[in-house]
Amino acid sequence: MRVVWKFPLTAYDVDLSMPVGAKVVHVAWQEHIGLPMVWAEVSTEAATEIRHFTVVGTGHPIADGYWHVGSWLDRELVFHLYEAKAADL
């Protein structure tokens, strides 16, 4: 079954256990939780894998081997979420 799950970003560099093939569909600050969250479309029957994400502030360098997943506004600041390409792990 396909569903959307959410995953908290609890650090600037974070490994998330997600079902294989999970597709990130949204990234946003969730005020009542006080954390940025990633929403991903997943298959509940899929095995899980570890995926590495990093948060980059506007104007800060982006490491090679990462692609942009989404951005969000946290009060007056904008943050950007990047995921490591699987071949670079």
C-alpha atoms as a PDB file:
ATOM      1  CA  MET A   1       0.000   0.000   0.000  1.00  0.00           C
ATOM      2  CA  ARG A   2       1.228   3.521  -0.803  1.00  0.00           C
ATOM      3  CA  VAL A   3       0.928   6.117   1.942  1.00  0.00           C
ATOM      4  CA  VAL A   4       2.612   9.351   3.016  1.00  0.00           C
ATOM      5  CA  TRP A   5       4.732   9.165   6.166  1.00  0.00           C
ATOM      6  CA  LYS A   6       6.573  11.976   7.911  1.00  0.00           C
ATOM      7  CA  PHE A   7      10.091  11.895   9.276  1.00  0.00           C
ATOM      8  CA  PRO A   8      11.588  14.443  11.724  1.00  0.00           C
ATOM      9  CA  LEU A   9      14.844  16.217  10.979  1.00  0.00           C
ATOM     10  CA  THR A  10      16.396  16.131  14.446  1.00  0.00           C
ATOM     11  CA  ALA A  11      19.882  17.336  13.405  1.00  0.00           C
ATOM     12  CA  TYR A  12      21.622  19.175  10.560  1.00  0.00           C
ATOM     13  CA  ASP A  13      23.051  15.835   9.384  1.00  0.00           C
ATOM     14  CA  VAL A  14      20.669  12.948   9.818  1.00  0.00           C
ATOM     15  CA  ASP A  15      20.268   9.360   8.664  1.00  0.00           C
ATOM     16  CA  LEU A  16      16.646   8.372   8.140  1.00  0.00           C
ATOM     17  CA  SER A  17      15.396   4.812   7.874  1.00  0.00           C
ATOM     18  CA  MET A  18      12.871   4.911   5.032  1.00  0.00           C
ATOM     19  CA  PRO A  19      11.205   2.275   2.870  1.00  0.00           C
ATOM     20  CA  VAL A  20      13.185   1.587  -0.310  1.00  0.00           C
ATOM     21  CA  GLY A  21      11.936   3.837  -3.109  1.00  0.00           C
ATOM     22  CA  ALA A  22      10.460   6.461  -0.769  1.00  0.00           C
ATOM     23  CA  LYS A  23       9.760   9.680  -2.684  1.00  0.00           C
ATOM     24  CA  VAL A  24      10.096  12.942  -0.746  1.00  0.00           C
ATOM     25  CA  VAL A  25       7.015  15.042  -1.484  1.00  0.00           C
ATOM     26  CA  HIS A  26       7.315  17.922   1.010  1.00  0.00           C
ATOM     27  CA  VAL A  27       9.632  19.544   3.565  1.00  0.00           C
ATOM     28  CA  ALA A  28       8.371  22.082   6.106  1.00  0.00           C
ATOM     29  CA  TRP A  29       8.722  23.413   9.629  1.00  0.00           C
ATOM     30  CA  GLN A  30       6.043  21.886  11.863  1.00  0.00           C
ATOM     31  CA  GLU A  31       5.409  24.521  14.519  1.00  0.00           C
ATOM     32  CA  HIS A  32       3.621  22.402  17.135  1.00  0.00           C
ATOM     33  CA  ILE A  33       6.476  19.858  17.075  1.00  0.00           C
ATOM     34  CA  GLY A  34       9.228  22.470  16.807  1.00  0.00           C
ATOM     35  CA  LEU A  35      11.155  20.601  14.107  1.00  0.00           C
ATOM     36  CA  PRO A  36      11.429  20.515  10.344  1.00  0.00           C
ATOM     37  CA  MET A  37       9.761  17.443   8.880  1.00  0.00           C
ATOM     38  CA  VAL A  38      10.086  15.455   5.669  1.00  0.00           C
ATOM     39  CA  TRP A  39       6.971  13.915   4.149  1.00  0.00           C
ATOM     40  CA  ALA A  40       7.566  11.001   1.787  1.00  0.00           C
ATOM     41  CA  GLU A  41       5.356   8.747  -0.259  1.00  0.00           C
ATOM     42  CA  VAL A  42       6.276   5.192   0.710  1.00  0.00           C
ATOM     43  CA  SER A  43       5.284   1.618   0.072  1.00  0.00           C
ATOM     44  CA  THR A  44       4.397  -0.038   3.366  1.00  0.00           C
ATOM     45  CA  GLU A  45       5.505  -3.414   1.940  1.00  0.00           C
ATOM     46  CA  ALA A  46       9.032  -2.257   1.017  1.00  0.00           C
ATOM     47  CA  ALA A  47      12.151  -3.125   2.983  1.00  0.00           C
ATOM     48  CA  THR A  48      13.886  -0.177   4.652  1.00  0.00           C
ATOM     49  CA  GLU A  49      17.150   1.544   3.825  1.00  0.00           C
ATOM     50  CA  ILE A  50      19.182   4.290   5.453  1.00  0.00           C
ATOM     51  CA  ARG A  51      19.250   7.611   3.583  1.00  0.00           C
ATOM     52  CA  HIS A  52      21.510  10.504   4.567  1.00  0.00           C
ATOM     53  CA  PHE A  53      20.247  14.087   4.568  1.00  0.00           C
ATOM     54  CA  THR A  54      21.932  17.370   5.426  1.00  0.00           C
ATOM     55  CA  VAL A  55      20.503  20.823   6.112  1.00  0.00           C
ATOM     56  CA  VAL A  56      22.191  23.836   4.529  1.00  0.00           C
ATOM     57  CA  GLY A  57      21.470  27.449   5.371  1.00  0.00           C
ATOM     58  CA  THR A  58      21.128  30.024   2.608  1.00  0.00           C
ATOM     59  CA  GLY A  59      24.583  31.251   1.598  1.00  0.00           C
ATOM     60  CA  HIS A  60      26.394  28.240   3.086  1.00  0.00           C
ATOM     61  CA  PRO A  61      28.437  25.797   0.973  1.00  0.00           C
ATOM     62  CA  ILE A  62      26.837  22.634  -0.397  1.00  0.00           C
ATOM     63  CA  ALA A  63      28.965  19.482  -0.340  1.00  0.00           C
ATOM     64  CA  ASP A  64      29.550  17.652  -3.603  1.00  0.00           C
ATOM     65  CA  GLY A  65      27.468  14.523  -4.031  1.00  0.00           C
ATOM     66  CA  TYR A  66      24.201  15.942  -2.673  1.00  0.00           C
ATOM     67  CA  TRP A  67      21.014  16.936  -4.473  1.00  0.00           C
ATOM     68  CA  HIS A  68      18.307  19.372  -3.387  1.00  0.00           C
ATOM     69  CA  VAL A  69      15.200  17.784  -1.873  1.00  0.00           C
ATOM     70  CA  GLY A  70      13.280  20.813  -0.580  1.00  0.00           C
ATOM     71  CA  SER A  71      13.409  24.065   1.363  1.00  0.00           C
ATOM     72  CA  TRP A  72      11.443  25.535   4.248  1.00  0.00           C
ATOM     73  CA  LEU A  73      10.992  28.792   6.108  1.00  0.00           C
ATOM     74  CA  ASP A  74      11.804  28.842   9.834  1.00  0.00           C
ATOM     75  CA  ARG A  75      10.660  32.233  11.050  1.00  0.00           C
ATOM     76  CA  GLU A  76      12.836  34.670   9.038  1.00  0.00           C
ATOM     77  CA  LEU A  77      15.413  32.081   7.841  1.00  0.00           C
ATOM     78  CA  VAL A  78      15.222  29.687   4.886  1.00  0.00           C
ATOM     79  CA  PHE A  79      16.861  26.262   5.129  1.00  0.00           C
ATOM     80  CA  HIS A  80      17.506  23.773   2.353  1.00  0.00           C
ATOM     81  CA  LEU A  81      17.480  19.981   2.603  1.00  0.00           C
ATOM     82  CA  TYR A  82      19.936  17.955   0.531  1.00  0.00           C
ATOM     83  CA  GLU A  83      20.244  14.190   0.202  1.00  0.00           C
ATOM     84  CA  ALA A  84      23.458  12.286  -0.426  1.00  0.00           C
ATOM     85  CA  LYS A  85      23.461  10.425  -3.716  1.00  0.00           C
ATOM     86  CA  ALA A  86      23.507   6.682  -3.039  1.00  0.00           C
ATOM     87  CA  ALA A  87      26.754   6.165  -4.976  1.00  0.00           C
ATOM     88  CA  ASP A  88      28.490   8.708  -2.692  1.00  0.00           C
ATOM     89  CA  LEU A  89      27.646   6.944   0.576  1.00  0.00           C
END
